[in-house]
Protein backbone atom coordinates (compact mmCIF):
# COMPACT_ATOMS: atom_id res chain seq x y z
CA UNK A 1 11.66 28.94 -13.82
CA UNK A 2 10.20 29.71 -10.39
CA UNK A 3 7.30 27.32 -10.99
CA UNK A 4 9.70 24.54 -11.97
CA UNK A 5 11.81 25.22 -8.88
CA UNK A 6 8.73 25.06 -6.65
CA UNK A 7 7.61 21.84 -8.32
CA UNK A 8 10.99 20.21 -7.76
CA UNK A 9 10.96 21.35 -4.13
CA UNK A 10 7.47 19.88 -3.62
CA UNK A 11 8.51 16.60 -5.23
CA UNK A 12 11.61 16.32 -3.05
CA UNK A 13 9.45 17.02 -0.01
CA UNK A 14 7.10 14.17 -0.96
CA UNK A 15 10.04 11.78 -1.21
CA UNK A 16 11.46 12.79 2.17
CA UNK A 17 8.06 12.51 3.86
CA UNK A 18 7.47 9.13 2.21
CA UNK A 19 10.77 7.85 3.59
CA UNK A 20 9.86 9.13 7.06
CA UNK A 21 6.43 7.46 6.83
CA UNK A 22 7.90 4.15 5.73
CA UNK A 23 10.62 4.22 8.38
CA UNK A 24 8.43 5.27 11.34
CA UNK A 25 5.14 3.61 10.46
CA UNK A 26 5.55 0.70 8.06
CA UNK A 27 8.99 -0.63 9.01
CA UNK A 28 8.53 -0.25 12.76
CA UNK A 29 5.10 -1.89 12.63
CA UNK A 30 6.63 -4.68 10.56
CA UNK A 31 9.18 -5.31 13.27
CA UNK A 32 6.52 -5.34 16.00
CA UNK A 33 4.28 -7.66 14.01
CA UNK A 34 7.21 -10.02 13.38
CA UNK A 35 7.98 -10.18 17.11
CA UNK A 36 4.39 -11.33 17.77
CA UNK A 37 4.88 -14.37 15.54
CA UNK A 38 6.90 -16.24 18.13
CA UNK A 39 3.52 -17.06 19.70
CA UNK A 40 1.74 -20.01 18.10
CA UNK A 41 -1.62 -18.39 18.93
CA UNK A 42 -0.94 -15.91 16.13
CA UNK A 43 -1.50 -18.71 13.59
CA UNK A 44 -4.32 -20.95 12.50
CA UNK A 45 -2.35 -24.06 11.61
CA UNK A 46 -3.81 -26.24 8.86
CA UNK A 47 -2.73 -29.79 9.81
CA UNK A 48 -3.40 -31.03 6.27
CA UNK A 49 -0.94 -28.70 4.56
CA UNK A 50 1.48 -27.57 7.24
CA UNK A 51 3.98 -30.43 7.03
CA UNK A 52 3.76 -30.47 3.25
CA UNK A 53 4.70 -26.79 3.09
CA UNK A 54 7.57 -27.28 5.53
CA UNK A 55 8.95 -30.12 3.41
CA UNK A 56 8.43 -28.13 0.23
CA UNK A 57 10.37 -25.23 1.74
CA UNK A 58 13.28 -27.00 3.45
CA UNK A 59 13.11 -30.71 2.61
CA UNK A 60 12.03 -31.78 6.11
CA UNK A 61 9.32 -31.15 8.66
CA UNK A 62 11.28 -30.60 11.85
CA UNK A 63 9.98 -27.88 14.21
CA UNK A 64 12.23 -25.20 12.74
CA UNK A 65 11.01 -25.93 9.22
CA UNK A 66 7.41 -25.93 10.40
CA UNK A 67 8.02 -22.54 12.01
CA UNK A 68 9.55 -21.14 8.83
CA UNK A 69 6.58 -22.34 6.77
CA UNK A 70 4.30 -20.34 9.04
CA UNK A 71 6.43 -17.25 9.54
CA UNK A 72 7.86 -16.52 6.09
CA UNK A 73 4.53 -15.91 4.31
CA UNK A 74 3.42 -13.57 7.07
CA UNK A 75 6.65 -11.61 7.39
CA UNK A 76 7.44 -11.35 3.69
CA UNK A 77 3.88 -11.03 2.41
CA UNK A 78 0.65 -10.35 4.23
CA UNK A 79 2.07 -8.50 7.24
CA UNK A 80 3.66 -5.56 5.45
CA UNK A 81 1.04 -5.43 2.68
CA UNK A 82 -1.75 -5.24 5.25
CA UNK A 83 0.14 -2.63 7.26
CA UNK A 84 0.53 -0.40 4.21
CA UNK A 85 -3.17 -0.65 3.40
CA UNK A 86 -4.22 0.04 6.98
CA UNK A 87 -1.99 3.10 7.16
CA UNK A 88 -2.85 4.49 3.74
CA UNK A 89 -4.82 7.39 5.20
CA UNK A 90 -1.84 8.28 7.39
CA UNK A 91 0.31 8.41 4.24
CA UNK A 92 -2.20 10.70 2.58
CA UNK A 93 -2.47 12.97 5.63
CA UNK A 94 1.28 13.26 6.16
CA UNK A 95 3.13 12.66 2.90
CA UNK A 96 0.51 14.30 0.64
CA UNK A 97 -0.73 16.87 3.15
CA UNK A 98 -0.03 19.69 0.69
CA UNK A 99 -2.74 18.27 -1.56
CA UNK A 100 -5.34 17.77 1.18
CA UNK A 101 -8.98 18.01 0.14
CA UNK A 102 -11.84 19.80 1.87
CA UNK A 103 -14.36 18.10 -0.41
CA UNK A 104 -16.35 15.30 1.21
CA UNK A 105 -15.29 11.88 0.01
CA UNK A 106 -12.05 13.04 -1.60
CA UNK A 107 -8.57 12.31 -0.26
CA UNK A 108 -6.61 14.92 -2.20
CA UNK A 109 -7.07 17.67 -4.78
CA UNK A 110 -4.36 18.65 -7.23
CA UNK A 111 -3.68 20.49 -10.46
CA UNK A 112 -2.89 17.87 -13.06
CA UNK A 113 0.59 18.65 -14.36
CA UNK A 114 -0.30 17.28 -17.80
CA UNK A 115 -3.64 18.90 -18.64
CA UNK A 116 -3.63 21.76 -16.11
CA UNK A 117 -7.09 20.89 -14.76
CA UNK A 118 -8.00 20.56 -11.10
CA UNK A 119 -8.55 16.95 -10.06
CA UNK A 120 -10.62 15.54 -7.21
CA UNK A 121 -8.99 12.31 -6.17
CA UNK A 122 -9.57 9.22 -4.09
CA UNK A 123 -6.41 7.32 -3.18
CA UNK A 124 -6.14 3.52 -3.24
CA UNK A 125 -3.18 1.35 -2.30
CA UNK A 126 -2.95 -1.18 -5.11
CA UNK A 127 -4.53 -2.54 -8.29
CA UNK A 128 -6.57 -5.25 -6.52
CA UNK A 129 -7.73 -3.38 -3.43
CA UNK A 130 -11.36 -2.47 -4.12
CA UNK A 131 -14.53 -4.53 -4.32
CA UNK A 132 -18.01 -4.15 -5.83
CA UNK A 133 -19.31 -2.08 -2.91
CA UNK A 134 -16.31 0.25 -3.17
CA UNK A 135 -17.19 0.93 -6.81
CA UNK A 136 -20.66 2.08 -5.80
CA UNK A 137 -19.28 4.28 -3.00
CA UNK A 138 -16.67 5.89 -5.25
CA UNK A 139 -19.23 6.57 -7.99
CA UNK A 140 -21.53 8.22 -5.45
CA UNK A 141 -18.72 10.43 -4.15
CA UNK A 142 -17.79 11.52 -7.67
CA UNK A 143 -21.40 12.31 -8.53
CA UNK A 144 -21.62 14.42 -5.37
CA UNK A 145 -18.46 16.33 -6.35
CA UNK A 146 -19.82 17.06 -9.84
CA UNK A 147 -23.19 18.15 -8.44
CA UNK A 148 -21.52 20.38 -5.84
CA UNK A 149 -19.47 22.00 -8.57
CA UNK A 150 -22.60 22.62 -10.61
CA UNK A 151 -24.30 24.21 -7.58
CA UNK A 152 -21.29 26.49 -7.00
CA UNK A 153 -20.82 27.35 -10.67
CA UNK A 154 -17.58 25.32 -10.91
CA UNK A 155 -17.40 23.13 -14.01
CA UNK A 156 -16.18 19.68 -12.97
CA UNK A 157 -16.06 17.04 -15.70
CA UNK A 158 -16.05 13.28 -15.19
CA UNK A 159 -12.41 13.28 -16.29
CA UNK A 160 -11.59 15.52 -13.31
CA UNK A 161 -12.70 12.81 -10.87
CA UNK A 162 -9.71 10.55 -10.32
CA UNK A 163 -8.92 7.29 -8.59
CA UNK A 164 -5.19 7.34 -7.88
CA UNK A 165 -3.63 3.91 -7.35
CA UNK A 166 -0.23 4.02 -5.67
CA UNK A 167 1.40 1.15 -7.53
CA UNK A 168 0.91 -1.17 -10.48
CA UNK A 169 -0.06 -0.44 -14.08
CA UNK A 170 -3.38 -0.01 -15.83
CA UNK A 171 -3.15 -3.59 -17.09
CA UNK A 172 -2.82 -4.79 -13.48
CA UNK A 173 -6.09 -3.19 -12.43
CA UNK A 174 -8.97 -5.39 -11.35
CA UNK A 175 -12.29 -5.44 -13.19
CA UNK A 176 -13.71 -3.18 -10.47
CA UNK A 177 -11.24 -0.42 -11.30
CA UNK A 178 -11.85 -0.84 -15.01
CA UNK A 179 -15.57 -0.51 -14.36
CA UNK A 180 -14.87 2.91 -12.82
CA UNK A 181 -12.57 3.80 -15.71
CA UNK A 182 -15.54 3.62 -18.08
CA UNK A 183 -16.80 6.91 -16.62
CA UNK A 184 -13.98 8.43 -14.58
CA UNK A 185 -10.19 8.66 -14.61
CA UNK A 186 -8.17 5.84 -13.07
CA UNK A 187 -4.43 6.43 -12.84
CA UNK A 188 -2.15 3.65 -11.64
CA UNK A 189 1.43 3.67 -10.44
CA UNK A 190 3.76 5.66 -12.68
CA UNK A 191 0.87 7.42 -14.44
CA UNK A 192 -0.64 8.63 -11.17
CA UNK A 193 2.60 10.05 -9.84
CA UNK A 194 3.39 11.67 -13.21
CA UNK A 195 0.06 13.51 -13.29
CA UNK A 196 0.48 14.54 -9.65
CA UNK A 197 4.10 15.73 -9.78
CA UNK A 198 4.89 16.44 -13.42
CA UNK A 199 7.98 14.23 -13.21
CA UNK A 200 7.68 11.23 -15.53
CA UNK A 201 10.29 9.32 -13.52
CA UNK A 202 8.94 10.27 -10.07
CA UNK A 203 7.46 6.82 -9.38
CA UNK A 204 10.87 5.19 -9.78
CA UNK A 205 12.53 7.86 -7.67
CA UNK A 206 9.95 7.31 -4.93
CA UNK A 207 10.25 3.53 -4.87
CA UNK A 208 14.06 3.76 -4.95
CA UNK A 209 14.02 6.23 -2.04
CA UNK A 210 11.79 3.98 0.05
CA UNK A 211 14.02 1.05 -0.88
CA UNK A 212 16.89 2.89 0.81
CA UNK A 213 15.06 2.48 4.12
CA UNK A 214 15.64 -1.26 3.84
CA UNK A 215 19.31 -0.64 4.57
CA UNK A 216 18.30 0.58 8.03
CA UNK A 217 16.42 -2.61 8.90
CA UNK A 218 18.26 -5.94 8.93
CA UNK A 219 15.75 -8.46 10.22
CA UNK A 220 18.06 -11.48 10.09
CA UNK A 221 18.54 -11.80 13.85
CA UNK A 222 14.91 -11.00 14.61
CA UNK A 223 13.69 -13.64 12.16
CA UNK A 224 16.04 -16.26 13.57
CA UNK A 225 14.92 -15.51 17.14
CA UNK A 226 11.24 -15.57 16.17
CA UNK A 227 11.59 -18.86 14.27
CA UNK A 228 13.42 -20.49 17.18
CA UNK A 229 10.82 -19.39 19.71
CA UNK A 230 7.94 -20.62 17.55
CA UNK A 231 9.74 -23.90 16.83
CA UNK A 232 10.00 -24.56 20.58
CA UNK A 233 6.24 -24.16 20.92
CA UNK A 234 5.51 -26.30 17.86
CA UNK A 235 7.65 -29.08 19.30
CA UNK A 236 5.34 -29.25 22.28
CA UNK A 237 2.12 -29.38 20.27
CA UNK A 238 0.55 -32.82 19.94
CA UNK A 239 0.81 -34.19 16.44
CA UNK A 240 3.47 -31.74 15.28
CA UNK A 241 6.62 -33.42 16.47
CA UNK A 242 6.20 -37.16 16.23
């Protein structure tokens, strides 16, 4: 009963730290990055597609529509996705600090709540976030962990070397991840968080908790201001406003 109580406490702590991380790092950076977009120098405008996208979005290509066509993809897509990836190590060091690893090349170490074995884990943000070179690097780190265990008389199996992917499912994983999965353990999204916490529904609880942070950030006025400022600049650019 005590172990279950401790596990629940640890899981609740992860959720609260994740909310703090998202509020103070991701959301605040998102706001700052949005404010920068009122400057046309933040964009590389493609003159062949820009007006088409504005018309596709709003039905016209006036300066405000042109601004929206530039700003929306950044604000609602690449900006926050990039920010999360860039701050992944901060998430690991703060939110998952209780699982910190002292083993070179590993982000965290944990006792798998399903098989009871100690896992040596590298953390990745999403199912498409590694490339061919990353596969080689990860394999080398896992081989080093296994060899170190052998030297120290600690049996570490390939299955104990884990790539933990924060979100997505196994079917979402790129071919690079599936290449690693031929020899090591790759856990994505719900599966990763289940093995880490022992709570099969933890992934949903975590995403719901972070979703609550959205209620603290209404970007309507900021977006409107940013669009208006960029539209004023676009109106002055030769070839934009004819």
